[in-house]
Amino acid sequence: TGGIVAYLEEIYNPLIGFLAGWVQVLLFYPAMISALAVVCAQQ
């Protein structure tokens, strides 16, 4: 569980895995969630 975070941590090192998770939690997933909600509201 954790996807890319777990993969990059094991492939490279814990720092790379953390940065992937940091960006996903703060940017990627919230941005996608909000973008989709915005489109839903537009309709």
All heavy atoms as atom14 arrays in JSON, in Angstrom:
{
  "sequence": "TGGIVAYLEEIYNPLIGFLAGWVQVLLFYPAMISALAVVCAQQ",
  "atom14_mask": [
    [1, 1, 1, 1, 1, 1, 1, 0, 0, 0, 0, 0, 0, 0],
    [1, 1, 1, 1, 0, 0, 0, 0, 0, 0, 0, 0, 0, 0],
    [1, 1, 1, 1, 0, 0, 0, 0, 0, 0, 0, 0, 0, 0],
    [1, 1, 1, 1, 1, 1, 1, 1, 0, 0, 0, 0, 0, 0],
    [1, 1, 1, 1, 1, 1, 1, 0, 0, 0, 0, 0, 0, 0],
    [1, 1, 1, 1, 1, 0, 0, 0, 0, 0, 0, 0, 0, 0],
    [1, 1, 1, 1, 1, 1, 1, 1, 1, 1, 1, 1, 0, 0],
    [1, 1, 1, 1, 1, 1, 1, 1, 0, 0, 0, 0, 0, 0],
    [1, 1, 1, 1, 1, 1, 1, 1, 1, 0, 0, 0, 0, 0],
    [1, 1, 1, 1, 1, 1, 1, 1, 1, 0, 0, 0, 0, 0],
    [1, 1, 1, 1, 1, 1, 1, 1, 0, 0, 0, 0, 0, 0],
    [1, 1, 1, 1, 1, 1, 1, 1, 1, 1, 1, 1, 0, 0],
    [1, 1, 1, 1, 1, 1, 1, 1, 0, 0, 0, 0, 0, 0],
    [1, 1, 1, 1, 1, 1, 1, 0, 0, 0, 0, 0, 0, 0],
    [1, 1, 1, 1, 1, 1, 1, 1, 0, 0, 0, 0, 0, 0],
    [1, 1, 1, 1, 1, 1, 1, 1, 0, 0, 0, 0, 0, 0],
    [1, 1, 1, 1, 0, 0, 0, 0, 0, 0, 0, 0, 0, 0],
    [1, 1, 1, 1, 1, 1, 1, 1, 1, 1, 1, 0, 0, 0],
    [1, 1, 1, 1, 1, 1, 1, 1, 0, 0, 0, 0, 0, 0],
    [1, 1, 1, 1, 1, 0, 0, 0, 0, 0, 0, 0, 0, 0],
    [1, 1, 1, 1, 0, 0, 0, 0, 0, 0, 0, 0, 0, 0],
    [1, 1, 1, 1, 1, 1, 1, 1, 1, 1, 1, 1, 1, 1],
    [1, 1, 1, 1, 1, 1, 1, 0, 0, 0, 0, 0, 0, 0],
    [1, 1, 1, 1, 1, 1, 1, 1, 1, 0, 0, 0, 0, 0],
    [1, 1, 1, 1, 1, 1, 1, 0, 0, 0, 0, 0, 0, 0],
    [1, 1, 1, 1, 1, 1, 1, 1, 0, 0, 0, 0, 0, 0],
    [1, 1, 1, 1, 1, 1, 1, 1, 0, 0, 0, 0, 0, 0],
    [1, 1, 1, 1, 1, 1, 1, 1, 1, 1, 1, 0, 0, 0],
    [1, 1, 1, 1, 1, 1, 1, 1, 1, 1, 1, 1, 0, 0],
    [1, 1, 1, 1, 1, 1, 1, 0, 0, 0, 0, 0, 0, 0],
    [1, 1, 1, 1, 1, 0, 0, 0, 0, 0, 0, 0, 0, 0],
    [1, 1, 1, 1, 1, 1, 1, 1, 0, 0, 0, 0, 0, 0],
    [1, 1, 1, 1, 1, 1, 1, 1, 0, 0, 0, 0, 0, 0],
    [1, 1, 1, 1, 1, 1, 0, 0, 0, 0, 0, 0, 0, 0],
    [1, 1, 1, 1, 1, 0, 0, 0, 0, 0, 0, 0, 0, 0],
    [1, 1, 1, 1, 1, 1, 1, 1, 0, 0, 0, 0, 0, 0],
    [1, 1, 1, 1, 1, 0, 0, 0, 0, 0, 0, 0, 0, 0],
    [1, 1, 1, 1, 1, 1, 1, 0, 0, 0, 0, 0, 0, 0],
    [1, 1, 1, 1, 1, 1, 1, 0, 0, 0, 0, 0, 0, 0],
    [1, 1, 1, 1, 1, 1, 0, 0, 0, 0, 0, 0, 0, 0],
    [1, 1, 1, 1, 1, 0, 0, 0, 0, 0, 0, 0, 0, 0],
    [1, 1, 1, 1, 1, 1, 1, 1, 1, 0, 0, 0, 0, 0],
    [1, 1, 1, 1, 1, 1, 1, 1, 1, 0, 0, 0, 0, 0]
  ],
  "atom14_positions": [
    [[0.85, -1.19, 0.0], [0.0, 0.0, 0.0], [0.88, 1.24, 0.0], [1.85, 1.33, 0.74], [-0.91, 0.0, 1.24], [-1.86, -1.07, 1.13], [-1.66, 1.31, 1.37], [0.0, 0.0, 0.0], [0.0, 0.0, 0.0], [0.0, 0.0, 0.0], [0.0, 0.0, 0.0], [0.0, 0.0, 0.0], [0.0, 0.0, 0.0], [0.0, 0.0, 0.0]],
    [[0.52, 2.2, -0.84], [1.33, 3.41, -0.98], [1.8, 3.62, -2.4], [2.19, 4.72, -2.77], [0.0, 0.0, 0.0], [0.0, 0.0, 0.0], [0.0, 0.0, 0.0], [0.0, 0.0, 0.0], [0.0, 0.0, 0.0], [0.0, 0.0, 0.0], [0.0, 0.0, 0.0], [0.0, 0.0, 0.0], [0.0, 0.0, 0.0], [0.0, 0.0, 0.0]],
    [[1.78, 2.55, -3.23], [2.12, 2.71, -4.64], [3.52, 3.2, -4.88], [4.5, 2.64, -4.37], [0.0, 0.0, 0.0], [0.0, 0.0, 0.0], [0.0, 0.0, 0.0], [0.0, 0.0, 0.0], [0.0, 0.0, 0.0], [0.0, 0.0, 0.0], [0.0, 0.0, 0.0], [0.0, 0.0, 0.0], [0.0, 0.0, 0.0], [0.0, 0.0, 0.0]],
    [[3.65, 4.26, -5.67], [4.95, 4.78, -6.1], [5.84, 5.12, -4.92], [7.07, 4.97, -5.0], [4.74, 6.01, -7.02], [4.21, 5.55, -8.38], [6.03, 6.79, -7.2], [3.95, 6.66, -9.35], [0.0, 0.0, 0.0], [0.0, 0.0, 0.0], [0.0, 0.0, 0.0], [0.0, 0.0, 0.0], [0.0, 0.0, 0.0], [0.0, 0.0, 0.0]],
    [[5.27, 5.58, -3.82], [6.08, 5.89, -2.65], [6.86, 4.67, -2.19], [8.08, 4.72, -1.96], [5.19, 6.4, -1.5], [6.01, 6.59, -0.23], [4.51, 7.7, -1.88], [0.0, 0.0, 0.0], [0.0, 0.0, 0.0], [0.0, 0.0, 0.0], [0.0, 0.0, 0.0], [0.0, 0.0, 0.0], [0.0, 0.0, 0.0], [0.0, 0.0, 0.0]],
    [[6.15, 3.54, -2.08], [6.8, 2.3, -1.64], [7.8, 1.82, -2.68], [8.88, 1.33, -2.34], [5.74, 1.23, -1.39], [0.0, 0.0, 0.0], [0.0, 0.0, 0.0], [0.0, 0.0, 0.0], [0.0, 0.0, 0.0], [0.0, 0.0, 0.0], [0.0, 0.0, 0.0], [0.0, 0.0, 0.0], [0.0, 0.0, 0.0], [0.0, 0.0, 0.0]],
    [[7.46, 1.95, -3.96], [8.36, 1.47, -5.03], [9.68, 2.25, -5.02], [10.76, 1.65, -5.04], [7.7, 1.62, -6.4], [6.3, 1.07, -6.5], [5.41, 1.57, -7.45], [5.83, 0.08, -5.65], [4.11, 1.09, -7.55], [4.54, -0.41, -5.74], [3.69, 0.11, -6.69], [2.41, -0.36, -6.8], [0.0, 0.0, 0.0], [0.0, 0.0, 0.0]],
    [[9.58, 3.58, -5.01], [10.79, 4.4, -5.1], [11.65, 4.28, -3.84], [12.87, 4.35, -3.91], [10.41, 5.86, -5.35], [9.71, 6.16, -6.68], [9.39, 7.63, -6.8], [10.55, 5.7, -7.86], [0.0, 0.0, 0.0], [0.0, 0.0, 0.0], [0.0, 0.0, 0.0], [0.0, 0.0, 0.0], [0.0, 0.0, 0.0], [0.0, 0.0, 0.0]],
    [[11.0, 4.09, -2.71], [11.76, 3.91, -1.47], [12.61, 2.65, -1.54], [13.77, 2.64, -1.11], [10.79, 3.84, -0.29], [11.48, 3.7, 1.05], [10.5, 3.77, 2.21], [9.7, 4.74, 2.24], [10.52, 2.87, 3.06], [0.0, 0.0, 0.0], [0.0, 0.0, 0.0], [0.0, 0.0, 0.0], [0.0, 0.0, 0.0], [0.0, 0.0, 0.0]],
    [[12.05, 1.59, -2.08], [12.79, 0.32, -2.16], [13.79, 0.33, -3.31], [14.88, -0.24, -3.2], [11.81, -0.85, -2.33], [12.49, -2.21, -2.25], [11.52, -3.32, -1.9], [10.54, -3.05, -1.17], [11.75, -4.44, -2.35], [0.0, 0.0, 0.0], [0.0, 0.0, 0.0], [0.0, 0.0, 0.0], [0.0, 0.0, 0.0], [0.0, 0.0, 0.0]],
    [[13.45, 0.97, -4.44], [14.35, 1.0, -5.59], [15.55, 1.9, -5.33], [16.69, 1.54, -5.63], [13.61, 1.48, -6.85], [12.53, 0.48, -7.26], [14.58, 1.68, -8.02], [11.58, 0.99, -8.33], [0.0, 0.0, 0.0], [0.0, 0.0, 0.0], [0.0, 0.0, 0.0], [0.0, 0.0, 0.0], [0.0, 0.0, 0.0], [0.0, 0.0, 0.0]],
    [[15.3, 3.09, -4.77], [16.35, 4.08, -4.61], [16.73, 4.22, -3.13], [17.69, 3.64, -2.67], [15.92, 5.42, -5.2], [15.61, 5.34, -6.68], [14.29, 5.29, -7.14], [16.63, 5.3, -7.63], [14.01, 5.21, -8.5], [16.35, 5.22, -8.99], [15.04, 5.18, -9.42], [14.76, 5.09, -10.75], [0.0, 0.0, 0.0], [0.0, 0.0, 0.0]],
    [[15.98, 5.04, -2.41], [16.24, 5.24, -0.99], [15.01, 5.89, -0.34], [14.11, 6.36, -1.05], [17.49, 6.11, -0.77], [17.4, 7.44, -1.49], [16.48, 8.23, -1.25], [18.33, 7.71, -2.4], [0.0, 0.0, 0.0], [0.0, 0.0, 0.0], [0.0, 0.0, 0.0], [0.0, 0.0, 0.0], [0.0, 0.0, 0.0], [0.0, 0.0, 0.0]],
    [[14.95, 5.92, 0.98], [13.77, 6.49, 1.65], [13.49, 7.94, 1.3], [12.33, 8.36, 1.3], [14.12, 6.32, 3.14], [15.05, 5.16, 3.18], [15.87, 5.27, 1.93], [0.0, 0.0, 0.0], [0.0, 0.0, 0.0], [0.0, 0.0, 0.0], [0.0, 0.0, 0.0], [0.0, 0.0, 0.0], [0.0, 0.0, 0.0], [0.0, 0.0, 0.0]],
    [[14.54, 8.72, 1.03], [14.34, 10.14, 0.71], [13.53, 10.29, -0.57], [12.57, 11.09, -0.63], [15.68, 10.85, 0.57], [15.62, 12.31, 0.08], [14.78, 13.16, 1.01], [17.02, 12.89, -0.08], [0.0, 0.0, 0.0], [0.0, 0.0, 0.0], [0.0, 0.0, 0.0], [0.0, 0.0, 0.0], [0.0, 0.0, 0.0], [0.0, 0.0, 0.0]],
    [[13.89, 9.56, -1.63], [13.16, 9.65, -2.9], [11.71, 9.22, -2.71], [10.78, 9.86, -3.22], [13.83, 8.77, -3.98], [15.28, 9.22, -4.21], [13.05, 8.84, -5.28], [15.43, 10.62, -4.71], [0.0, 0.0, 0.0], [0.0, 0.0, 0.0], [0.0, 0.0, 0.0], [0.0, 0.0, 0.0], [0.0, 0.0, 0.0], [0.0, 0.0, 0.0]],
    [[11.51, 8.15, -1.93], [10.14, 7.71, -1.67], [9.35, 8.76, -0.92], [8.18, 9.02, -1.24], [0.0, 0.0, 0.0], [0.0, 0.0, 0.0], [0.0, 0.0, 0.0], [0.0, 0.0, 0.0], [0.0, 0.0, 0.0], [0.0, 0.0, 0.0], [0.0, 0.0, 0.0], [0.0, 0.0, 0.0], [0.0, 0.0, 0.0], [0.0, 0.0, 0.0]],
    [[9.98, 9.4, 0.06], [9.3, 10.45, 0.82], [8.91, 11.61, -0.08], [7.78, 12.12, 0.0], [10.19, 10.94, 1.95], [9.65, 12.17, 2.63], [8.67, 12.08, 3.6], [10.1, 13.44, 2.27], [8.15, 13.22, 4.21], [9.59, 14.58, 2.88], [8.61, 14.47, 3.85], [0.0, 0.0, 0.0], [0.0, 0.0, 0.0], [0.0, 0.0, 0.0]],
    [[9.85, 12.06, -0.93], [9.56, 13.2, -1.8], [8.41, 12.9, -2.74], [7.57, 13.76, -3.03], [10.81, 13.6, -2.58], [11.95, 14.23, -1.76], [13.15, 14.5, -2.65], [11.5, 15.5, -1.06], [0.0, 0.0, 0.0], [0.0, 0.0, 0.0], [0.0, 0.0, 0.0], [0.0, 0.0, 0.0], [0.0, 0.0, 0.0], [0.0, 0.0, 0.0]],
    [[8.37, 11.66, -3.24], [7.25, 11.26, -4.1], [5.93, 11.36, -3.33], [4.93, 11.91, -3.83], [7.45, 9.85, -4.62], [0.0, 0.0, 0.0], [0.0, 0.0, 0.0], [0.0, 0.0, 0.0], [0.0, 0.0, 0.0], [0.0, 0.0, 0.0], [0.0, 0.0, 0.0], [0.0, 0.0, 0.0], [0.0, 0.0, 0.0], [0.0, 0.0, 0.0]],
    [[5.92, 10.84, -2.11], [4.71, 10.91, -1.31], [4.36, 12.32, -0.91], [3.19, 12.71, -0.92], [0.0, 0.0, 0.0], [0.0, 0.0, 0.0], [0.0, 0.0, 0.0], [0.0, 0.0, 0.0], [0.0, 0.0, 0.0], [0.0, 0.0, 0.0], [0.0, 0.0, 0.0], [0.0, 0.0, 0.0], [0.0, 0.0, 0.0], [0.0, 0.0, 0.0]],
    [[5.36, 13.11, -0.58], [5.16, 14.52, -0.21], [4.46, 15.27, -1.34], [3.48, 15.99, -1.12], [6.51, 15.13, 0.11], [6.53, 16.61, 0.39], [6.88, 17.59, -0.48], [6.23, 17.26, 1.62], [6.81, 18.82, 0.11], [6.41, 18.65, 1.42], [5.82, 16.81, 2.88], [6.2, 19.58, 2.43], [5.6, 17.74, 3.88], [5.78, 19.1, 3.65]],
    [[4.96, 15.1, -2.56], [4.38, 15.79, -3.72], [2.99, 15.23, -4.03], [2.07, 15.98, -4.37], [5.31, 15.65, -4.94], [4.62, 16.14, -6.21], [6.59, 16.44, -4.72], [0.0, 0.0, 0.0], [0.0, 0.0, 0.0], [0.0, 0.0, 0.0], [0.0, 0.0, 0.0], [0.0, 0.0, 0.0], [0.0, 0.0, 0.0], [0.0, 0.0, 0.0]],
    [[2.82, 13.93, -3.9], [1.51, 13.35, -4.19], [0.46, 13.83, -3.2], [-0.66, 14.15, -3.59], [1.6, 11.82, -4.18], [2.27, 11.23, -5.4], [2.13, 9.73, -5.46], [2.09, 9.05, -4.43], [2.07, 9.19, -6.65], [0.0, 0.0, 0.0], [0.0, 0.0, 0.0], [0.0, 0.0, 0.0], [0.0, 0.0, 0.0], [0.0, 0.0, 0.0]],
    [[0.82, 13.83, -1.92], [-0.15, 14.22, -0.88], [-0.49, 15.71, -0.95], [-1.65, 16.1, -0.77], [0.39, 13.85, 0.52], [-0.5, 14.44, 1.62], [0.48, 12.34, 0.66], [0.0, 0.0, 0.0], [0.0, 0.0, 0.0], [0.0, 0.0, 0.0], [0.0, 0.0, 0.0], [0.0, 0.0, 0.0], [0.0, 0.0, 0.0], [0.0, 0.0, 0.0]],
    [[0.51, 16.55, -1.25], [0.28, 18.0, -1.24], [-0.15, 18.57, -2.59], [-0.83, 19.59, -2.64], [1.55, 18.73, -0.78], [2.0, 18.49, 0.66], [3.2, 19.36, 0.98], [0.87, 18.75, 1.64], [0.0, 0.0, 0.0], [0.0, 0.0, 0.0], [0.0, 0.0, 0.0], [0.0, 0.0, 0.0], [0.0, 0.0, 0.0], [0.0, 0.0, 0.0]],
    [[0.25, 17.9, -3.7], [-0.03, 18.46, -5.02], [-0.87, 17.55, -5.9], [-1.97, 17.92, -6.31], [1.29, 18.78, -5.73], [2.13, 19.94, -5.19], [3.39, 20.11, -6.03], [1.34, 21.23, -5.18], [0.0, 0.0, 0.0], [0.0, 0.0, 0.0], [0.0, 0.0, 0.0], [0.0, 0.0, 0.0], [0.0, 0.0, 0.0], [0.0, 0.0, 0.0]],
    [[-0.34, 16.38, -6.22], [-0.96, 15.58, -7.27], [-2.4, 15.17, -6.95], [-3.34, 15.54, -7.67], [-0.13, 14.33, -7.55], [-0.81, 13.36, -8.48], [-1.05, 13.7, -9.81], [-1.26, 12.13, -8.03], [-1.7, 12.84, -10.66], [-1.91, 11.26, -8.88], [-2.13, 11.61, -10.2], [0.0, 0.0, 0.0], [0.0, 0.0, 0.0], [0.0, 0.0, 0.0]],
    [[-2.59, 14.42, -5.87], [-3.94, 13.95, -5.57], [-4.91, 15.09, -5.26], [-6.03, 15.11, -5.81], [-3.9, 12.93, -4.43], [-3.43, 11.56, -4.87], [-2.17, 11.1, -4.54], [-4.25, 10.74, -5.65], [-1.73, 9.85, -4.96], [-3.82, 9.49, -6.07], [-2.56, 9.05, -5.72], [-2.13, 7.82, -6.15], [0.0, 0.0, 0.0], [0.0, 0.0, 0.0]],
    [[-4.55, 16.06, -4.41], [-5.49, 17.17, -4.19], [-5.81, 17.95, -5.45], [-6.95, 18.38, -5.64], [-4.75, 18.04, -3.16], [-3.83, 17.11, -2.45], [-3.39, 16.14, -3.5], [0.0, 0.0, 0.0], [0.0, 0.0, 0.0], [0.0, 0.0, 0.0], [0.0, 0.0, 0.0], [0.0, 0.0, 0.0], [0.0, 0.0, 0.0], [0.0, 0.0, 0.0]],
    [[-4.8, 18.14, -6.33], [-5.05, 18.88, -7.57], [-6.02, 18.13, -8.47], [-6.92, 18.73, -9.07], [-3.74, 19.15, -8.31], [0.0, 0.0, 0.0], [0.0, 0.0, 0.0], [0.0, 0.0, 0.0], [0.0, 0.0, 0.0], [0.0, 0.0, 0.0], [0.0, 0.0, 0.0], [0.0, 0.0, 0.0], [0.0, 0.0, 0.0], [0.0, 0.0, 0.0]],
    [[-5.85, 16.82, -8.58], [-6.76, 16.02, -9.4], [-8.16, 16.01, -8.79], [-9.16, 16.15, -9.5], [-6.22, 14.6, -9.55], [-4.97, 14.49, -10.4], [-5.19, 15.04, -12.12], [-6.37, 13.83, -12.72], [0.0, 0.0, 0.0], [0.0, 0.0, 0.0], [0.0, 0.0, 0.0], [0.0, 0.0, 0.0], [0.0, 0.0, 0.0], [0.0, 0.0, 0.0]],
    [[-8.24, 15.81, -7.49], [-9.53, 15.79, -6.8], [-10.27, 17.11, -7.0], [-11.46, 17.13, -7.34], [-9.33, 15.5, -5.3], [-8.86, 14.06, -5.09], [-10.63, 15.76, -4.51], [-8.28, 13.8, -3.7], [0.0, 0.0, 0.0], [0.0, 0.0, 0.0], [0.0, 0.0, 0.0], [0.0, 0.0, 0.0], [0.0, 0.0, 0.0], [0.0, 0.0, 0.0]],
    [[-9.56, 18.21, -6.81], [-10.2, 19.52, -6.93], [-10.58, 19.83, -8.37], [-11.65, 20.39, -8.63], [-9.27, 20.61, -6.4], [-8.03, 20.62, -7.09], [0.0, 0.0, 0.0], [0.0, 0.0, 0.0], [0.0, 0.0, 0.0], [0.0, 0.0, 0.0], [0.0, 0.0, 0.0], [0.0, 0.0, 0.0], [0.0, 0.0, 0.0], [0.0, 0.0, 0.0]],
    [[-9.71, 19.45, -9.33], [-10.02, 19.7, -10.74], [-11.29, 18.96, -11.15], [-12.15, 19.51, -11.85], [-8.84, 19.27, -11.63], [0.0, 0.0, 0.0], [0.0, 0.0, 0.0], [0.0, 0.0, 0.0], [0.0, 0.0, 0.0], [0.0, 0.0, 0.0], [0.0, 0.0, 0.0], [0.0, 0.0, 0.0], [0.0, 0.0, 0.0], [0.0, 0.0, 0.0]],
    [[-11.42, 17.73, -10.72], [-12.6, 16.94, -11.06], [-13.85, 17.51, -10.39], [-14.92, 17.55, -10.98], [-12.37, 15.49, -10.66], [-11.29, 14.77, -11.48], [-10.85, 13.48, -10.8], [-11.8, 14.47, -12.89], [0.0, 0.0, 0.0], [0.0, 0.0, 0.0], [0.0, 0.0, 0.0], [0.0, 0.0, 0.0], [0.0, 0.0, 0.0], [0.0, 0.0, 0.0]],
    [[-13.7, 17.96, -9.15], [-14.84, 18.56, -8.46], [-15.27, 19.86, -9.15], [-16.47, 20.16, -9.25], [-14.48, 18.83, -7.0], [0.0, 0.0, 0.0], [0.0, 0.0, 0.0], [0.0, 0.0, 0.0], [0.0, 0.0, 0.0], [0.0, 0.0, 0.0], [0.0, 0.0, 0.0], [0.0, 0.0, 0.0], [0.0, 0.0, 0.0], [0.0, 0.0, 0.0]],
    [[-14.3, 20.63, -9.63], [-14.6, 21.88, -10.35], [-15.38, 21.59, -11.62], [-16.37, 22.27, -11.93], [-13.29, 22.64, -10.67], [-13.55, 23.75, -11.69], [-12.7, 23.23, -9.39], [0.0, 0.0, 0.0], [0.0, 0.0, 0.0], [0.0, 0.0, 0.0], [0.0, 0.0, 0.0], [0.0, 0.0, 0.0], [0.0, 0.0, 0.0], [0.0, 0.0, 0.0]],
    [[-14.98, 20.57, -12.37], [-15.69, 20.2, -13.6], [-17.1, 19.73, -13.27], [-18.06, 20.06, -13.97], [-14.92, 19.11, -14.36], [-15.77, 18.54, -15.5], [-13.63, 19.67, -14.93], [0.0, 0.0, 0.0], [0.0, 0.0, 0.0], [0.0, 0.0, 0.0], [0.0, 0.0, 0.0], [0.0, 0.0, 0.0], [0.0, 0.0, 0.0], [0.0, 0.0, 0.0]],
    [[-17.23, 18.95, -12.2], [-18.55, 18.48, -11.78], [-19.46, 19.67, -11.47], [-20.63, 19.69, -11.86], [-18.41, 17.57, -10.56], [-19.89, 16.64, -10.13], [0.0, 0.0, 0.0], [0.0, 0.0, 0.0], [0.0, 0.0, 0.0], [0.0, 0.0, 0.0], [0.0, 0.0, 0.0], [0.0, 0.0, 0.0], [0.0, 0.0, 0.0], [0.0, 0.0, 0.0]],
    [[-18.91, 20.68, -10.8], [-19.68, 21.87, -10.48], [-20.05, 22.66, -11.72], [-21.14, 23.24, -11.81], [-18.89, 22.74, -9.5], [0.0, 0.0, 0.0], [0.0, 0.0, 0.0], [0.0, 0.0, 0.0], [0.0, 0.0, 0.0], [0.0, 0.0, 0.0], [0.0, 0.0, 0.0], [0.0, 0.0, 0.0], [0.0, 0.0, 0.0], [0.0, 0.0, 0.0]],
    [[-19.13, 22.7, -12.7], [-19.43, 23.4, -13.96], [-20.62, 22.78, -14.66], [-21.46, 23.49, -15.21], [-18.2, 23.37, -14.86], [-17.06, 24.28, -14.4], [-15.83, 24.15, -15.26], [-15.74, 23.29, -16.13], [-14.83, 24.98, -15.01], [0.0, 0.0, 0.0], [0.0, 0.0, 0.0], [0.0, 0.0, 0.0], [0.0, 0.0, 0.0], [0.0, 0.0, 0.0]],
    [[-20.68, 21.47, -14.65], [-21.82, 20.8, -15.28], [-23.1, 21.01, -14.46], [-24.17, 21.2, -15.02], [-21.53, 19.31, -15.42], [-20.38, 19.0, -16.37], [-20.61, 19.57, -17.76], [-21.63, 19.35, -18.39], [-19.63, 20.32, -18.25], [0.0, 0.0, 0.0], [0.0, 0.0, 0.0], [0.0, 0.0, 0.0], [0.0, 0.0, 0.0], [0.0, 0.0, 0.0]]
  ]
}
